[in-house]
């Protein structure tokens, strides 16, 4: 039980988004297994990057500004280009492959 608690504590201190535990295992054992699983997942699901429009192009309308004497002027009125982002289509399958590898090696995710 102490080894399990120690492993959980080490994983928590590592600052991982996901925490994993295996009774009697150490953080070093997890790190070694993790390296193998990550390499396996990266081999099977290499990055497949593509550009995607995050925000479409838009027209910013002109604005009328008037002073206290009633004199008005217009300013602005321009097009802003679309904002593009990069998406990895294999990120999800790679993540699932890595998780499946962890579980196949006896590690289980720890719920918060």
C-alpha atoms as a PDB file:
ATOM      1  CA  UNK A   1       0.000   0.000   0.000  1.00  0.00           C
ATOM      2  CA  UNK A   2       2.850   2.393   0.786  1.00  0.00           C
ATOM      3  CA  UNK A   3       4.420   1.730  -2.617  1.00  0.00           C
ATOM      4  CA  UNK A   4       1.118   2.513  -4.312  1.00  0.00           C
ATOM      5  CA  UNK A   5       0.742   5.736  -2.346  1.00  0.00           C
ATOM      6  CA  UNK A   6       4.354   6.657  -3.106  1.00  0.00           C
ATOM      7  CA  UNK A   7       3.798   6.035  -6.822  1.00  0.00           C
ATOM      8  CA  UNK A   8       0.631   8.135  -6.750  1.00  0.00           C
ATOM      9  CA  UNK A   9       2.419  10.940  -4.940  1.00  0.00           C
ATOM     10  CA  UNK A  10       5.297  10.921  -7.433  1.00  0.00           C
ATOM     11  CA  UNK A  11       2.909  10.997 -10.364  1.00  0.00           C
ATOM     12  CA  UNK A  12       0.986  13.877  -8.802  1.00  0.00           C
ATOM     13  CA  UNK A  13       4.208  15.824  -8.288  1.00  0.00           C
ATOM     14  CA  UNK A  14       5.190  15.199 -11.901  1.00  0.00           C
ATOM     15  CA  UNK A  15       2.379  17.540 -12.949  1.00  0.00           C
ATOM     16  CA  UNK A  16       0.892  15.203 -15.538  1.00  0.00           C
ATOM     17  CA  UNK A  17      -2.530  15.943 -16.939  1.00  0.00           C
ATOM     18  CA  UNK A  18      -3.271  12.241 -16.448  1.00  0.00           C
ATOM     19  CA  UNK A  19      -2.155  10.224 -13.474  1.00  0.00           C
ATOM     20  CA  UNK A  20      -1.473   6.495 -13.620  1.00  0.00           C
ATOM     21  CA  UNK A  21      -0.912   3.911 -10.903  1.00  0.00           C
ATOM     22  CA  UNK A  22       0.196   0.297 -10.672  1.00  0.00           C
ATOM     23  CA  UNK A  23       0.460  -1.464  -7.311  1.00  0.00           C
ATOM     24  CA  UNK A  24       4.091  -1.916  -6.309  1.00  0.00           C
ATOM     25  CA  UNK A  25       5.480   0.042  -9.275  1.00  0.00           C
ATOM     26  CA  UNK A  26       7.821   3.023  -9.111  1.00  0.00           C
ATOM     27  CA  UNK A  27       7.903   6.267 -11.027  1.00  0.00           C
ATOM     28  CA  UNK A  28      11.062   5.050 -12.811  1.00  0.00           C
ATOM     29  CA  UNK A  29       9.180   1.983 -14.028  1.00  0.00           C
ATOM     30  CA  UNK A  30       6.355   4.192 -15.238  1.00  0.00           C
ATOM     31  CA  UNK A  31       8.758   6.532 -17.077  1.00  0.00           C
ATOM     32  CA  UNK A  32      10.462   3.591 -18.844  1.00  0.00           C
ATOM     33  CA  UNK A  33       7.133   2.096 -19.872  1.00  0.00           C
ATOM     34  CA  UNK A  34       5.832   5.536 -20.863  1.00  0.00           C
ATOM     35  CA  UNK A  35       8.778   6.100 -23.229  1.00  0.00           C
ATOM     36  CA  UNK A  36       8.082   2.786 -24.975  1.00  0.00           C
ATOM     37  CA  UNK A  37       4.347   3.458 -25.252  1.00  0.00           C
ATOM     38  CA  UNK A  38       4.847   6.991 -26.576  1.00  0.00           C
ATOM     39  CA  UNK A  39       7.326   5.723 -29.198  1.00  0.00           C
ATOM     40  CA  UNK A  40       4.902   2.959 -30.220  1.00  0.00           C
ATOM     41  CA  UNK A  41       1.990   5.410 -30.513  1.00  0.00           C
ATOM     42  CA  UNK A  42       4.113   7.895 -32.479  1.00  0.00           C
ATOM     43  CA  UNK A  43       5.213   5.160 -34.889  1.00  0.00           C
ATOM     44  CA  UNK A  44       1.659   3.996 -35.491  1.00  0.00           C
ATOM     45  CA  UNK A  45       0.066   7.461 -35.560  1.00  0.00           C
ATOM     46  CA  UNK A  46       2.654  10.018 -36.765  1.00  0.00           C
ATOM     47  CA  UNK A  47       1.568  13.655 -36.806  1.00  0.00           C
ATOM     48  CA  UNK A  48      -0.831  14.472 -39.644  1.00  0.00           C
ATOM     49  CA  UNK A  49      -0.963  18.249 -39.650  1.00  0.00           C
ATOM     50  CA  UNK A  50      -3.318  20.477 -41.589  1.00  0.00           C
ATOM     51  CA  UNK A  51      -4.358  24.092 -41.467  1.00  0.00           C
ATOM     52  CA  UNK A  52      -7.850  24.969 -40.362  1.00  0.00           C
ATOM     53  CA  UNK A  53      -9.676  28.289 -40.207  1.00  0.00           C
ATOM     54  CA  UNK A  54     -10.111  29.123 -36.526  1.00  0.00           C
ATOM     55  CA  UNK A  55     -11.874  32.431 -37.169  1.00  0.00           C
ATOM     56  CA  UNK A  56     -13.224  33.394 -40.602  1.00  0.00           C
ATOM     57  CA  UNK A  57     -12.344  36.632 -42.375  1.00  0.00           C
ATOM     58  CA  UNK A  58     -14.547  39.521 -41.386  1.00  0.00           C
ATOM     59  CA  UNK A  59     -15.315  43.081 -42.355  1.00  0.00           C
ATOM     60  CA  UNK A  60     -14.925  45.681 -39.616  1.00  0.00           C
ATOM     61  CA  UNK A  61     -17.491  48.371 -40.509  1.00  0.00           C
ATOM     62  CA  UNK A  62     -16.593  52.051 -40.531  1.00  0.00           C
ATOM     63  CA  UNK A  63     -17.391  54.112 -37.448  1.00  0.00           C
ATOM     64  CA  UNK A  64     -18.760  57.650 -37.460  1.00  0.00           C
ATOM     65  CA  UNK A  65     -17.325  60.032 -34.894  1.00  0.00           C
ATOM     66  CA  UNK A  66     -18.804  63.464 -34.229  1.00  0.00           C
ATOM     67  CA  UNK A  67     -17.363  66.291 -32.160  1.00  0.00           C
ATOM     68  CA  UNK A  68     -19.377  68.641 -29.933  1.00  0.00           C
ATOM     69  CA  UNK A  69     -19.914  71.055 -32.845  1.00  0.00           C
ATOM     70  CA  UNK A  70     -21.629  68.407 -34.917  1.00  0.00           C
ATOM     71  CA  UNK A  71     -18.728  67.861 -37.301  1.00  0.00           C
ATOM     72  CA  UNK A  72     -18.610  64.181 -38.140  1.00  0.00           C
ATOM     73  CA  UNK A  73     -16.038  62.005 -39.806  1.00  0.00           C
ATOM     74  CA  UNK A  74     -15.805  58.352 -40.680  1.00  0.00           C
ATOM     75  CA  UNK A  75     -12.881  56.087 -39.969  1.00  0.00           C
ATOM     76  CA  UNK A  76     -12.221  52.412 -40.228  1.00  0.00           C
ATOM     77  CA  UNK A  77     -13.856  50.003 -42.580  1.00  0.00           C
ATOM     78  CA  UNK A  78     -11.426  47.202 -43.391  1.00  0.00           C
ATOM     79  CA  UNK A  79     -11.205  43.474 -43.903  1.00  0.00           C
ATOM     80  CA  UNK A  80      -9.457  41.282 -41.366  1.00  0.00           C
ATOM     81  CA  UNK A  81      -7.989  38.083 -42.815  1.00  0.00           C
ATOM     82  CA  UNK A  82      -8.982  34.674 -41.471  1.00  0.00           C
ATOM     83  CA  UNK A  83      -7.098  33.288 -38.485  1.00  0.00           C
ATOM     84  CA  UNK A  84      -5.540  29.913 -39.252  1.00  0.00           C
ATOM     85  CA  UNK A  85      -4.581  27.208 -36.787  1.00  0.00           C
ATOM     86  CA  UNK A  86      -2.785  23.879 -37.116  1.00  0.00           C
ATOM     87  CA  UNK A  87      -4.678  20.682 -36.307  1.00  0.00           C
ATOM     88  CA  UNK A  88      -3.131  17.221 -35.841  1.00  0.00           C
ATOM     89  CA  UNK A  89      -5.664  14.700 -37.160  1.00  0.00           C
ATOM     90  CA  UNK A  90      -3.779  11.847 -35.470  1.00  0.00           C
ATOM     91  CA  UNK A  91      -3.672  13.418 -31.978  1.00  0.00           C
ATOM     92  CA  UNK A  92      -6.770  11.545 -30.767  1.00  0.00           C
ATOM     93  CA  UNK A  93      -5.810   8.077 -32.072  1.00  0.00           C
ATOM     94  CA  UNK A  94      -2.224   8.576 -30.819  1.00  0.00           C
ATOM     95  CA  UNK A  95      -3.534   9.466 -27.342  1.00  0.00           C
ATOM     96  CA  UNK A  96      -5.815   6.383 -27.289  1.00  0.00           C
ATOM     97  CA  UNK A  97      -2.971   4.121 -28.469  1.00  0.00           C
ATOM     98  CA  UNK A  98      -0.745   5.422 -25.663  1.00  0.00           C
ATOM     99  CA  UNK A  99      -3.466   4.908 -23.028  1.00  0.00           C
ATOM    100  CA  UNK A 100      -4.166   1.368 -24.296  1.00  0.00           C
ATOM    101  CA  UNK A 101      -0.443   0.576 -24.045  1.00  0.00           C
ATOM    102  CA  UNK A 102      -0.328   1.828 -20.440  1.00  0.00           C
ATOM    103  CA  UNK A 103      -3.294  -0.359 -19.517  1.00  0.00           C
ATOM    104  CA  UNK A 104      -1.823  -3.372 -21.337  1.00  0.00           C
ATOM    105  CA  UNK A 105       1.225  -2.951 -19.072  1.00  0.00           C
ATOM    106  CA  UNK A 106      -0.932  -3.049 -15.935  1.00  0.00           C
ATOM    107  CA  UNK A 107      -1.266   0.693 -15.268  1.00  0.00           C
ATOM    108  CA  UNK A 108      -4.659   2.217 -14.536  1.00  0.00           C
ATOM    109  CA  UNK A 109      -5.714   5.877 -14.682  1.00  0.00           C
ATOM    110  CA  UNK A 110      -6.235   7.528 -11.301  1.00  0.00           C
ATOM    111  CA  UNK A 111      -9.429   9.519 -10.896  1.00  0.00           C
ATOM    112  CA  UNK A 112      -9.167  12.870  -9.137  1.00  0.00           C
END
